[in-house]
Amino acid sequence: MLQFNPSYRGKKVTDSSSETEVETETALPVTSSPSIVSFKMLSNTLSTQFFQVHAPTKRIAFYVGTSTKVSKVQEWIARDIGLAPENQLIITIDGVEVKGSDTAAAFIEVDIQM
């Protein structure tokens, strides 16, 4: 994405000798106008949602999709921390208990500071 040639920056360059897309630092001959992919990649990165867990020993975050259940996150906590799901108490910042059948994405806090 950060290529030396300014006309290729933020774009994916296709090598004319093969059908595969190649990201390179050199100026390759472009068969067609390269498409800008940096904004799409940045948008995907910034829209990624993480479910943050503050455990007694550490703080961890898990990537969650729109349909990921809290019970799945509890399995990940058991794997990474070693605390069985039946011994976990997941609560929000406001003190509301989160159930395993709830969708994890519903408890993602959006913190925008300007």
PDB file of N, CA and C in Angstrom:
ATOM      1  N   MET A   1       0.817  -1.178   0.000  1.00  0.00           N
ATOM      2  CA  MET A   1       0.000   0.000   0.000  1.00  0.00           C
ATOM      3  C   MET A   1       0.867   1.251   0.000  1.00  0.00           C
ATOM      4  N   LEU A   2       1.960   1.255   0.738  1.00  0.00           N
ATOM      5  CA  LEU A   2       2.850   2.415   0.757  1.00  0.00           C
ATOM      6  C   LEU A   2       3.950   2.196  -0.277  1.00  0.00           C
ATOM      7  N   GLN A   3       3.667   2.526  -1.493  1.00  0.00           N
ATOM      8  CA  GLN A   3       4.605   2.265  -2.569  1.00  0.00           C
ATOM      9  C   GLN A   3       5.420   3.506  -2.891  1.00  0.00           C
ATOM     10  N   PHE A   4       6.600   3.284  -3.436  1.00  0.00           N
ATOM     11  CA  PHE A   4       7.515   4.378  -3.734  1.00  0.00           C
ATOM     12  C   PHE A   4       6.956   5.303  -4.812  1.00  0.00           C
ATOM     13  N   ASN A   5       6.402   4.727  -5.841  1.00  0.00           N
ATOM     14  CA  ASN A   5       5.852   5.515  -6.941  1.00  0.00           C
ATOM     15  C   ASN A   5       4.533   6.146  -6.483  1.00  0.00           C
ATOM     16  N   PRO A   6       4.430   7.489  -6.480  1.00  0.00           N
ATOM     17  CA  PRO A   6       3.224   8.143  -5.978  1.00  0.00           C
ATOM     18  C   PRO A   6       1.946   7.782  -6.724  1.00  0.00           C
ATOM     19  N   SER A   7       2.049   7.442  -7.993  1.00  0.00           N
ATOM     20  CA  SER A   7       0.844   7.109  -8.760  1.00  0.00           C
ATOM     21  C   SER A   7       0.273   5.742  -8.367  1.00  0.00           C
ATOM     22  N   TYR A   8       1.034   4.924  -7.646  1.00  0.00           N
ATOM     23  CA  TYR A   8       0.572   3.608  -7.223  1.00  0.00           C
ATOM     24  C   TYR A   8       0.192   3.552  -5.744  1.00  0.00           C
ATOM     25  N   ARG A   9       0.412   4.617  -4.995  1.00  0.00           N
ATOM     26  CA  ARG A   9       0.152   4.586  -3.557  1.00  0.00           C
ATOM     27  C   ARG A   9      -1.330   4.367  -3.280  1.00  0.00           C
ATOM     28  N   GLY A  10      -1.591   3.445  -2.350  1.00  0.00           N
ATOM     29  CA  GLY A  10      -2.958   3.143  -1.962  1.00  0.00           C
ATOM     30  C   GLY A  10      -3.704   2.289  -2.951  1.00  0.00           C
ATOM     31  N   LYS A  11      -3.022   1.777  -3.965  1.00  0.00           N
ATOM     32  CA  LYS A  11      -3.661   0.993  -5.012  1.00  0.00           C
ATOM     33  C   LYS A  11      -3.071  -0.401  -5.047  1.00  0.00           C
ATOM     34  N   LYS A  12      -3.801  -1.314  -5.588  1.00  0.00           N
ATOM     35  CA  LYS A  12      -3.319  -2.674  -5.786  1.00  0.00           C
ATOM     36  C   LYS A  12      -2.936  -2.795  -7.245  1.00  0.00           C
ATOM     37  N   VAL A  13      -1.684  -3.167  -7.498  1.00  0.00           N
ATOM     38  CA  VAL A  13      -1.155  -3.231  -8.857  1.00  0.00           C
ATOM     39  C   VAL A  13      -1.216  -4.667  -9.338  1.00  0.00           C
ATOM     40  N   THR A  14      -1.714  -4.870 -10.555  1.00  0.00           N
ATOM     41  CA  THR A  14      -1.790  -6.193 -11.146  1.00  0.00           C
ATOM     42  C   THR A  14      -0.654  -6.372 -12.129  1.00  0.00           C
ATOM     43  N   ASP A  15       0.098  -7.440 -11.955  1.00  0.00           N
ATOM     44  CA  ASP A  15       1.209  -7.753 -12.853  1.00  0.00           C
ATOM     45  C   ASP A  15       0.630  -8.296 -14.153  1.00  0.00           C
ATOM     46  N   SER A  16       1.069  -7.768 -15.294  1.00  0.00           N
ATOM     47  CA  SER A  16       0.516  -8.177 -16.584  1.00  0.00           C
ATOM     48  C   SER A  16       0.958  -9.578 -16.990  1.00  0.00           C
ATOM     49  N   SER A  17       2.042 -10.111 -16.403  1.00  0.00           N
ATOM     50  CA  SER A  17       2.524 -11.433 -16.791  1.00  0.00           C
ATOM     51  C   SER A  17       1.775 -12.559 -16.085  1.00  0.00           C
ATOM     52  N   SER A  18       1.029 -12.238 -15.034  1.00  0.00           N
ATOM     53  CA  SER A  18       0.251 -13.258 -14.347  1.00  0.00           C
ATOM     54  C   SER A  18      -1.106 -12.679 -13.994  1.00  0.00           C
ATOM     55  N   GLU A  19      -2.001 -13.532 -13.595  1.00  0.00           N
ATOM     56  CA  GLU A  19      -3.341 -13.100 -13.247  1.00  0.00           C
ATOM     57  C   GLU A  19      -3.460 -12.715 -11.770  1.00  0.00           C
ATOM     58  N   THR A  20      -2.401 -12.921 -10.993  1.00  0.00           N
ATOM     59  CA  THR A  20      -2.465 -12.627  -9.564  1.00  0.00           C
ATOM     60  C   THR A  20      -2.155 -11.167  -9.310  1.00  0.00           C
ATOM     61  N   GLU A  21      -2.734 -10.664  -8.235  1.00  0.00           N
ATOM     62  CA  GLU A  21      -2.472  -9.284  -7.854  1.00  0.00           C
ATOM     63  C   GLU A  21      -1.202  -9.253  -7.019  1.00  0.00           C
ATOM     64  N   VAL A  22      -0.345  -8.284  -7.313  1.00  0.00           N
ATOM     65  CA  VAL A  22       0.950  -8.202  -6.667  1.00  0.00           C
ATOM     66  C   VAL A  22       1.091  -6.830  -6.045  1.00  0.00           C
ATOM     67  N   GLU A  23       1.516  -6.792  -4.781  1.00  0.00           N
ATOM     68  CA  GLU A  23       1.851  -5.526  -4.150  1.00  0.00           C
ATOM     69  C   GLU A  23       3.361  -5.414  -4.195  1.00  0.00           C
ATOM     70  N   THR A  24       3.852  -4.380  -4.816  1.00  0.00           N
ATOM     71  CA  THR A  24       5.282  -4.274  -5.043  1.00  0.00           C
ATOM     72  C   THR A  24       5.760  -2.852  -4.837  1.00  0.00           C
ATOM     73  N   GLU A  25       7.040  -2.697  -4.633  1.00  0.00           N
ATOM     74  CA  GLU A  25       7.643  -1.376  -4.471  1.00  0.00           C
ATOM     75  C   GLU A  25       8.119  -0.809  -5.803  1.00  0.00           C
ATOM     76  N   THR A  26       8.179  -1.642  -6.827  1.00  0.00           N
ATOM     77  CA  THR A  26       8.650  -1.173  -8.122  1.00  0.00           C
ATOM     78  C   THR A  26       7.476  -0.806  -9.006  1.00  0.00           C
ATOM     79  N   ALA A  27       7.762  -0.052 -10.027  1.00  0.00           N
ATOM     80  CA  ALA A  27       6.722   0.363 -10.962  1.00  0.00           C
ATOM     81  C   ALA A  27       6.488  -0.747 -11.976  1.00  0.00           C
ATOM     82  N   LEU A  28       5.373  -1.450 -11.846  1.00  0.00           N
ATOM     83  CA  LEU A  28       5.021  -2.501 -12.789  1.00  0.00           C
ATOM     84  C   LEU A  28       4.155  -1.926 -13.892  1.00  0.00           C
ATOM     85  N   PRO A  29       4.231  -2.495 -15.081  1.00  0.00           N
ATOM     86  CA  PRO A  29       3.299  -2.054 -16.112  1.00  0.00           C
ATOM     87  C   PRO A  29       1.884  -2.448 -15.704  1.00  0.00           C
ATOM     88  N   VAL A  30       0.978  -1.533 -15.774  1.00  0.00           N
ATOM     89  CA  VAL A  30      -0.386  -1.781 -15.337  1.00  0.00           C
ATOM     90  C   VAL A  30      -1.249  -1.995 -16.568  1.00  0.00           C
ATOM     91  N   THR A  31      -1.975  -3.117 -16.587  1.00  0.00           N
ATOM     92  CA  THR A  31      -2.818  -3.428 -17.737  1.00  0.00           C
ATOM     93  C   THR A  31      -4.057  -2.559 -17.765  1.00  0.00           C
ATOM     94  N   SER A  32      -4.587  -2.240 -16.616  1.00  0.00           N
ATOM     95  CA  SER A  32      -5.742  -1.349 -16.534  1.00  0.00           C
ATOM     96  C   SER A  32      -5.502  -0.407 -15.359  1.00  0.00           C
ATOM     97  N   SER A  33      -6.369   0.527 -15.199  1.00  0.00           N
ATOM     98  CA  SER A  33      -6.226   1.478 -14.107  1.00  0.00           C
ATOM     99  C   SER A  33      -6.334   0.745 -12.775  1.00  0.00           C
ATOM    100  N   PRO A  34      -5.309   0.837 -11.926  1.00  0.00           N
ATOM    101  CA  PRO A  34      -5.367   0.131 -10.642  1.00  0.00           C
ATOM    102  C   PRO A  34      -6.433   0.756  -9.743  1.00  0.00           C
ATOM    103  N   SER A  35      -7.131  -0.084  -9.015  1.00  0.00           N
ATOM    104  CA  SER A  35      -8.187   0.426  -8.142  1.00  0.00           C
ATOM    105  C   SER A  35      -7.604   0.798  -6.784  1.00  0.00           C
ATOM    106  N   ILE A  36      -8.189   1.803  -6.183  1.00  0.00           N
ATOM    107  CA  ILE A  36      -7.745   2.245  -4.872  1.00  0.00           C
ATOM    108  C   ILE A  36      -8.366   1.311  -3.839  1.00  0.00           C
ATOM    109  N   VAL A  37      -7.528   0.671  -3.044  1.00  0.00           N
ATOM    110  CA  VAL A  37      -8.016  -0.269  -2.036  1.00  0.00           C
ATOM    111  C   VAL A  37      -7.729   0.218  -0.624  1.00  0.00           C
ATOM    112  N   SER A  38      -6.926   1.246  -0.483  1.00  0.00           N
ATOM    113  CA  SER A  38      -6.526   1.666   0.856  1.00  0.00           C
ATOM    114  C   SER A  38      -7.706   2.157   1.678  1.00  0.00           C
ATOM    115  N   PHE A  39      -8.673   2.853   1.069  1.00  0.00           N
ATOM    116  CA  PHE A  39      -9.812   3.355   1.825  1.00  0.00           C
ATOM    117  C   PHE A  39     -10.715   2.211   2.287  1.00  0.00           C
ATOM    118  N   LYS A  40     -10.870   1.190   1.448  1.00  0.00           N
ATOM    119  CA  LYS A  40     -11.673   0.033   1.831  1.00  0.00           C
ATOM    120  C   LYS A  40     -10.994  -0.724   2.968  1.00  0.00           C
ATOM    121  N   MET A  41      -9.672  -0.895   2.878  1.00  0.00           N
ATOM    122  CA  MET A  41      -8.935  -1.588   3.934  1.00  0.00           C
ATOM    123  C   MET A  41      -9.010  -0.811   5.247  1.00  0.00           C
ATOM    124  N   LEU A  42      -8.891   0.498   5.171  1.00  0.00           N
ATOM    125  CA  LEU A  42      -8.969   1.341   6.354  1.00  0.00           C
ATOM    126  C   LEU A  42     -10.366   1.284   6.970  1.00  0.00           C
ATOM    127  N   SER A  43     -11.384   1.298   6.148  1.00  0.00           N
ATOM    128  CA  SER A  43     -12.755   1.208   6.627  1.00  0.00           C
ATOM    129  C   SER A  43     -13.000  -0.117   7.337  1.00  0.00           C
ATOM    130  N   ASN A  44     -12.503  -1.214   6.761  1.00  0.00           N
ATOM    131  CA  ASN A  44     -12.645  -2.525   7.398  1.00  0.00           C
ATOM    132  C   ASN A  44     -11.942  -2.562   8.748  1.00  0.00           C
ATOM    133  N   THR A  45     -10.753  -1.980   8.813  1.00  0.00           N
ATOM    134  CA  THR A  45      -9.994  -1.971  10.058  1.00  0.00           C
ATOM    135  C   THR A  45     -10.701  -1.153  11.129  1.00  0.00           C
ATOM    136  N   LEU A  46     -11.193   0.017  10.764  1.00  0.00           N
ATOM    137  CA  LEU A  46     -11.829   0.888  11.746  1.00  0.00           C
ATOM    138  C   LEU A  46     -13.208   0.388  12.183  1.00  0.00           C
ATOM    139  N   SER A  47     -13.874  -0.412  11.362  1.00  0.00           N
ATOM    140  CA  SER A  47     -15.191  -0.914  11.733  1.00  0.00           C
ATOM    141  C   SER A  47     -15.131  -2.254  12.466  1.00  0.00           C
ATOM    142  N   THR A  48     -13.947  -2.784  12.701  1.00  0.00           N
ATOM    143  CA  THR A  48     -13.800  -4.035  13.418  1.00  0.00           C
ATOM    144  C   THR A  48     -14.237  -3.843  14.866  1.00  0.00           C
ATOM    145  N   GLN A  49     -15.066  -4.754  15.369  1.00  0.00           N
ATOM    146  CA  GLN A  49     -15.588  -4.647  16.719  1.00  0.00           C
ATOM    147  C   GLN A  49     -14.876  -5.631  17.642  1.00  0.00           C
ATOM    148  N   PHE A  50     -14.531  -5.142  18.830  1.00  0.00           N
ATOM    149  CA  PHE A  50     -13.862  -5.971  19.824  1.00  0.00           C
ATOM    150  C   PHE A  50     -14.666  -5.972  21.116  1.00  0.00           C
ATOM    151  N   PHE A  51     -14.779  -7.125  21.703  1.00  0.00           N
ATOM    152  CA  PHE A  51     -15.443  -7.310  22.990  1.00  0.00           C
ATOM    153  C   PHE A  51     -14.336  -7.322  24.025  1.00  0.00           C
ATOM    154  N   GLN A  52     -14.276  -6.285  24.863  1.00  0.00           N
ATOM    155  CA  GLN A  52     -13.195  -6.157  25.839  1.00  0.00           C
ATOM    156  C   GLN A  52     -13.587  -6.818  27.154  1.00  0.00           C
ATOM    157  N   VAL A  53     -12.643  -7.550  27.713  1.00  0.00           N
ATOM    158  CA  VAL A  53     -12.846  -8.243  28.983  1.00  0.00           C
ATOM    159  C   VAL A  53     -11.769  -7.783  29.954  1.00  0.00           C
ATOM    160  N   HIS A  54     -12.202  -7.331  31.113  1.00  0.00           N
ATOM    161  CA  HIS A  54     -11.279  -6.933  32.174  1.00  0.00           C
ATOM    162  C   HIS A  54     -11.307  -8.038  33.224  1.00  0.00           C
ATOM    163  N   ALA A  55     -10.317  -8.897  33.180  1.00  0.00           N
ATOM    164  CA  ALA A  55     -10.204  -9.994  34.135  1.00  0.00           C
ATOM    165  C   ALA A  55      -9.318  -9.538  35.296  1.00  0.00           C
ATOM    166  N   PRO A  56      -9.340 -10.259  36.410  1.00  0.00           N
ATOM    167  CA  PRO A  56      -8.501  -9.842  37.547  1.00  0.00           C
ATOM    168  C   PRO A  56      -7.010  -9.775  37.222  1.00  0.00           C
ATOM    169  N   THR A  57      -6.546 -10.644  36.341  1.00  0.00           N
ATOM    170  CA  THR A  57      -5.109 -10.680  36.058  1.00  0.00           C
ATOM    171  C   THR A  57      -4.695  -9.941  34.808  1.00  0.00           C
ATOM    172  N   LYS A  58      -5.614  -9.762  33.857  1.00  0.00           N
ATOM    173  CA  LYS A  58      -5.259  -9.070  32.618  1.00  0.00           C
ATOM    174  C   LYS A  58      -6.494  -8.559  31.906  1.00  0.00           C
ATOM    175  N   ARG A  59      -6.238  -7.769  30.884  1.00  0.00           N
ATOM    176  CA  ARG A  59      -7.296  -7.208  30.049  1.00  0.00           C
ATOM    177  C   ARG A  59      -7.111  -7.770  28.643  1.00  0.00           C
ATOM    178  N   ILE A  60      -8.155  -8.361  28.091  1.00  0.00           N
ATOM    179  CA  ILE A  60      -8.068  -8.949  26.753  1.00  0.00           C
ATOM    180  C   ILE A  60      -9.254  -8.478  25.919  1.00  0.00           C
ATOM    181  N   ALA A  61      -9.118  -8.604  24.616  1.00  0.00           N
ATOM    182  CA  ALA A  61     -10.188  -8.220  23.698  1.00  0.00           C
ATOM    183  C   ALA A  61     -10.334  -9.309  22.646  1.00  0.00           C
ATOM    184  N   PHE A  62     -11.568  -9.553  22.260  1.00  0.00           N
ATOM    185  CA  PHE A  62     -11.878 -10.563  21.265  1.00  0.00           C
ATOM    186  C   PHE A  62     -12.615  -9.912  20.104  1.00  0.00           C
ATOM    187  N   TYR A  63     -12.246 -10.284  18.885  1.00  0.00           N
ATOM    188  CA  TYR A  63     -12.966  -9.832  17.693  1.00  0.00           C
ATOM    189  C   TYR A  63     -14.295 -10.561  17.660  1.00  0.00           C
ATOM    190  N   VAL A  64     -15.382  -9.806  17.517  1.00  0.00           N
ATOM    191  CA  VAL A  64     -16.705 -10.426  17.437  1.00  0.00           C
ATOM    192  C   VAL A  64     -17.417  -9.966  16.179  1.00  0.00           C
ATOM    193  N   GLY A  65     -18.136 -10.874  15.584  1.00  0.00           N
ATOM    194  CA  GLY A  65     -18.968 -10.549  14.432  1.00  0.00           C
ATOM    195  C   GLY A  65     -20.348 -10.134  14.907  1.00  0.00           C
ATOM    196  N   THR A  66     -21.231  -9.880  13.968  1.00  0.00           N
ATOM    197  CA  THR A  66     -22.568  -9.409  14.331  1.00  0.00           C
ATOM    198  C   THR A  66     -23.419 -10.507  14.961  1.00  0.00           C
ATOM    199  N   SER A  67     -23.079 -11.769  14.724  1.00  0.00           N
ATOM    200  CA  SER A  67     -23.884 -12.862  15.268  1.00  0.00           C
ATOM    201  C   SER A  67     -23.174 -13.653  16.371  1.00  0.00           C
ATOM    202  N   THR A  68     -22.016 -13.201  16.826  1.00  0.00           N
ATOM    203  CA  THR A  68     -21.269 -13.908  17.865  1.00  0.00           C
ATOM    204  C   THR A  68     -22.013 -13.807  19.196  1.00  0.00           C
ATOM    205  N   LYS A  69     -22.255 -14.938  19.810  1.00  0.00           N
ATOM    206  CA  LYS A  69     -22.951 -14.984  21.097  1.00  0.00           C
ATOM    207  C   LYS A  69     -21.954 -14.812  22.241  1.00  0.00           C
ATOM    208  N   VAL A  70     -22.449 -14.329  23.363  1.00  0.00           N
ATOM    209  CA  VAL A  70     -21.620 -14.138  24.547  1.00  0.00           C
ATOM    210  C   VAL A  70     -21.101 -15.498  25.046  1.00  0.00           C
ATOM    211  N   SER A  71     -21.875 -16.556  24.856  1.00  0.00           N
ATOM    212  CA  SER A  71     -21.426 -17.892  25.269  1.00  0.00           C
ATOM    213  C   SER A  71     -20.153 -18.306  24.525  1.00  0.00           C
ATOM    214  N   LYS A  72     -20.024 -17.890  23.271  1.00  0.00           N
ATOM    215  CA  LYS A  72     -18.810 -18.176  22.505  1.00  0.00           C
ATOM    216  C   LYS A  72     -17.635 -17.384  23.086  1.00  0.00           C
ATOM    217  N   VAL A  73     -17.887 -16.133  23.458  1.00  0.00           N
ATOM    218  CA  VAL A  73     -16.845 -15.320  24.084  1.00  0.00           C
ATOM    219  C   VAL A  73     -16.424 -15.954  25.407  1.00  0.00           C
ATOM    220  N   GLN A  74     -17.365 -16.515  26.140  1.00  0.00           N
ATOM    221  CA  GLN A  74     -17.036 -17.186  27.396  1.00  0.00           C
ATOM    222  C   GLN A  74     -16.131 -18.399  27.158  1.00  0.00           C
ATOM    223  N   GLU A  75     -16.347 -19.102  26.056  1.00  0.00           N
ATOM    224  CA  GLU A  75     -15.453 -20.216  25.710  1.00  0.00           C
ATOM    225  C   GLU A  75     -14.043 -19.699  25.440  1.00  0.00           C
ATOM    226  N   TRP A  76     -13.932 -18.563  24.756  1.00  0.00           N
ATOM    227  CA  TRP A  76     -12.623 -17.978  24.462  1.00  0.00           C
ATOM    228  C   TRP A  76     -11.935 -17.520  25.747  1.00  0.00           C
ATOM    229  N   ILE A  77     -12.720 -16.971  26.666  1.00  0.00           N
ATOM    230  CA  ILE A  77     -12.156 -16.547  27.956  1.00  0.00           C
ATOM    231  C   ILE A  77     -11.626 -17.771  28.698  1.00  0.00           C
ATOM    232  N   ALA A  78     -12.389 -18.860  28.690  1.00  0.00           N
ATOM    233  CA  ALA A  78     -11.947 -20.100  29.344  1.00  0.00           C
ATOM    234  C   ALA A  78     -10.650 -20.609  28.721  1.00  0.00           C
ATOM    235  N   ARG A  79     -10.548 -20.510  27.408  1.00  0.00           N
ATOM    236  CA  ARG A  79      -9.342 -20.964  26.717  1.00  0.00           C
ATOM    237  C   ARG A  79      -8.140 -20.094  27.056  1.00  0.00           C
ATOM    238  N   ASP A  80      -8.322 -18.766  27.063  1.00  0.00           N
ATOM    239  CA  ASP A  80      -7.192 -17.851  27.221  1.00  0.00           C
ATOM    240  C   ASP A  80      -6.823 -17.553  28.668  1.00  0.00           C
ATOM    241  N   ILE A  81      -7.792 -17.547  29.557  1.00  0.00           N
ATOM    242  CA  ILE A  81      -7.519 -17.211  30.949  1.00  0.00           C
ATOM    243  C   ILE A  81      -7.531 -18.456  31.836  1.00  0.00           C
ATOM    244  N   GLY A  82      -8.331 -19.455  31.463  1.00  0.00           N
ATOM    245  CA  GLY A  82      -8.411 -20.669  32.257  1.00  0.00           C
ATOM    246  C   GLY A  82      -9.540 -20.635  33.275  1.00  0.00           C
ATOM    247  N   LEU A  83     -10.499 -19.749  33.080  1.00  0.00           N
ATOM    248  CA  LEU A  83     -11.644 -19.631  33.975  1.00  0.00           C
ATOM    249  C   LEU A  83     -12.861 -20.249  33.294  1.00  0.00           C
ATOM    250  N   ALA A  84     -13.416 -21.289  33.903  1.00  0.00           N
ATOM    251  CA  ALA A  84     -14.545 -22.013  33.306  1.00  0.00           C
ATOM    252  C   ALA A  84     -15.747 -21.087  33.108  1.00  0.00           C
ATOM    253  N   PRO A  85     -16.516 -21.296  32.031  1.00  0.00           N
ATOM    254  CA  PRO A  85     -17.673 -20.428  31.749  1.00  0.00           C
ATOM    255  C   PRO A  85     -18.684 -20.348  32.893  1.00  0.00           C
ATOM    256  N   GLU A  86     -18.880 -21.437  33.626  1.00  0.00           N
ATOM    257  CA  GLU A  86     -19.853 -21.404  34.729  1.00  0.00           C
ATOM    258  C   GLU A  86     -19.357 -20.565  35.914  1.00  0.00           C
ATOM    259  N   ASN A  87     -18.073 -20.247  35.939  1.00  0.00           N
ATOM    260  CA  ASN A  87     -17.509 -19.401  36.996  1.00  0.00           C
ATOM    261  C   ASN A  87     -17.323 -17.951  36.557  1.00  0.00           C
ATOM    262  N   GLN A  88     -17.762 -17.619  35.360  1.00  0.00           N
ATOM    263  CA  GLN A  88     -17.593 -16.269  34.834  1.00  0.00           C
ATOM    264  C   GLN A  88     -18.847 -15.444  35.097  1.00  0.00           C
ATOM    265  N   LEU A  89     -18.633 -14.194  35.442  1.00  0.00           N
ATOM    266  CA  LEU A  89     -19.719 -13.236  35.583  1.00  0.00           C
ATOM    267  C   LEU A  89     -19.375 -12.059  34.682  1.00  0.00           C
ATOM    268  N   ILE A  90     -20.105 -11.923  33.602  1.00  0.00           N
ATOM    269  CA  ILE A  90     -19.850 -10.839  32.663  1.00  0.00           C
ATOM    270  C   ILE A  90     -20.901  -9.766  32.892  1.00  0.00           C
ATOM    271  N   ILE A  91     -20.423  -8.565  33.214  1.00  0.00           N
ATOM    272  CA  ILE A  91     -21.326  -7.441  33.445  1.00  0.00           C
ATOM    273  C   ILE A  91     -20.866  -6.254  32.608  1.00  0.00           C
ATOM    274  N   THR A  92     -21.800  -5.358  32.325  1.00  0.00           N
ATOM    275  CA  THR A  92     -21.470  -4.149  31.571  1.00  0.00           C
ATOM    276  C   THR A  92     -20.895  -3.108  32.527  1.00  0.00           C
ATOM    277  N   ILE A  93     -20.477  -1.994  31.991  1.00  0.00           N
ATOM    278  CA  ILE A  93     -19.961  -0.896  32.813  1.00  0.00           C
ATOM    279  C   ILE A  93     -21.041  -0.398  33.770  1.00  0.00           C
ATOM    280  N   ASP A  94     -22.297  -0.495  33.344  1.00  0.00           N
ATOM    281  CA  ASP A  94     -23.418  -0.037  34.166  1.00  0.00           C
ATOM    282  C   ASP A  94     -23.842  -1.060  35.221  1.00  0.00           C
ATOM    283  N   GLY A  95     -23.227  -2.247  35.225  1.00  0.00           N
ATOM    284  CA  GLY A  95     -23.551  -3.268  36.209  1.00  0.00           C
ATOM    285  C   GLY A  95     -24.632  -4.239  35.788  1.00  0.00           C
ATOM    286  N   VAL A  96     -25.038  -4.205  34.525  1.00  0.00           N
ATOM    287  CA  VAL A  96     -26.059  -5.121  34.024  1.00  0.00           C
ATOM    288  C   VAL A  96     -25.398  -6.443  33.651  1.00  0.00           C
ATOM    289  N   GLU A  97     -25.960  -7.545  34.127  1.00  0.00           N
ATOM    290  CA  GLU A  97     -25.400  -8.858  33.826  1.00  0.00           C
ATOM    291  C   GLU A  97     -25.707  -9.250  32.387  1.00  0.00           C
ATOM    292  N   VAL A  98     -24.698  -9.763  31.704  1.00  0.00           N
ATOM    293  CA  VAL A  98     -24.827 -10.197  30.311  1.00  0.00           C
ATOM    294  C   VAL A  98     -25.053 -11.703  30.317  1.00  0.00           C
ATOM    295  N   LYS A  99     -26.062 -12.149  29.573  1.00  0.00           N
ATOM    296  CA  LYS A  99     -26.380 -13.577  29.501  1.00  0.00           C
ATOM    297  C   LYS A  99     -25.652 -14.214  28.321  1.00  0.00           C
ATOM    298  N   GLY A 100     -25.411 -15.508  28.403  1.00  0.00           N
ATOM    299  CA  GLY A 100     -24.716 -16.234  27.352  1.00  0.00           C
ATOM    300  C   GLY A 100     -25.456 -16.269  26.033  1.00  0.00           C
ATOM    301  N   SER A 101     -26.773 -16.138  26.078  1.00  0.00           N
ATOM    302  CA  SER A 101     -27.565 -16.172  24.845  1.00  0.00           C
ATOM    303  C   SER A 101     -27.615 -14.823  24.140  1.00  0.00           C
ATOM    304  N   ASP A 102     -27.100 -13.771  24.773  1.00  0.00           N
ATOM    305  CA  ASP A 102     -27.090 -12.440  24.164  1.00  0.00           C
ATOM    306  C   ASP A 102     -26.042 -12.365  23.061  1.00  0.00           C
ATOM    307  N   THR A 103     -26.242 -11.444  22.142  1.00  0.00           N
ATOM    308  CA  THR A 103     -25.270 -11.191  21.079  1.00  0.00           C
ATOM    309  C   THR A 103     -24.183 -10.274  21.631  1.00  0.00           C
ATOM    310  N   ALA A 104     -22.932 -10.648  21.453  1.00  0.00           N
ATOM    311  CA  ALA A 104     -21.810  -9.886  22.010  1.00  0.00           C
ATOM    312  C   ALA A 104     -21.712  -8.489  21.405  1.00  0.00           C
ATOM    313  N   ALA A 105     -22.052  -8.344  20.129  1.00  0.00           N
ATOM    314  CA  ALA A 105     -21.941  -7.046  19.463  1.00  0.00           C
ATOM    315  C   ALA A 105     -22.867  -6.007  20.078  1.00  0.00           C
ATOM    316  N   ALA A 106     -23.923  -6.436  20.762  1.00  0.00           N
ATOM    317  CA  ALA A 106     -24.840  -5.490  21.396  1.00  0.00           C
ATOM    318  C   ALA A 106     -24.207  -4.787  22.588  1.00  0.00           C
ATOM    319  N   PHE A 107     -23.098  -5.326  23.085  1.00  0.00           N
ATOM    320  CA  PHE A 107     -22.446  -4.759  24.262  1.00  0.00           C
ATOM    321  C   PHE A 107     -21.122  -4.077  23.942  1.00  0.00           C
ATOM    322  N   ILE A 108     -20.908  -3.776  22.674  1.00  0.00           N
ATOM    323  CA  ILE A 108     -19.707  -3.061  22.260  1.00  0.00           C
ATOM    324  C   ILE A 108     -19.933  -1.586  22.511  1.00  0.00           C
ATOM    325  N   GLU A 109     -19.043  -0.979  23.255  1.00  0.00           N
ATOM    326  CA  GLU A 109     -19.168   0.445  23.539  1.00  0.00           C
ATOM    327  C   GLU A 109     -18.467   1.231  22.450  1.00  0.00           C
ATOM    328  N   VAL A 110     -19.151   2.195  21.898  1.00  0.00           N
ATOM    329  CA  VAL A 110     -18.563   3.057  20.882  1.00  0.00           C
ATOM    330  C   VAL A 110     -18.059   4.305  21.588  1.00  0.00           C
ATOM    331  N   ASP A 111     -16.760   4.511  21.543  1.00  0.00           N
ATOM    332  CA  ASP A 111     -16.146   5.637  22.236  1.00  0.00           C
ATOM    333  C   ASP A 111     -15.504   6.541  21.194  1.00  0.00           C
ATOM    334  N   ILE A 112     -16.183   7.626  20.863  1.00  0.00           N
ATOM    335  CA  ILE A 112     -15.664   8.560  19.872  1.00  0.00           C
ATOM    336  C   ILE A 112     -15.303   9.854  20.586  1.00  0.00           C
ATOM    337  N   GLN A 113     -14.053  10.251  20.477  1.00  0.00           N
ATOM    338  CA  GLN A 113     -13.613  11.482  21.108  1.00  0.00           C
ATOM    339  C   GLN A 113     -13.142  12.444  20.034  1.00  0.00           C
ATOM    340  N   MET A 114     -13.540  13.681  20.175  1.00  0.00           N
ATOM    341  CA  MET A 114     -13.131  14.686  19.201  1.00  0.00           C
ATOM    342  C   MET A 114     -12.473  15.841  19.890  1.00  0.00           C
TER     343      MET A 114
END
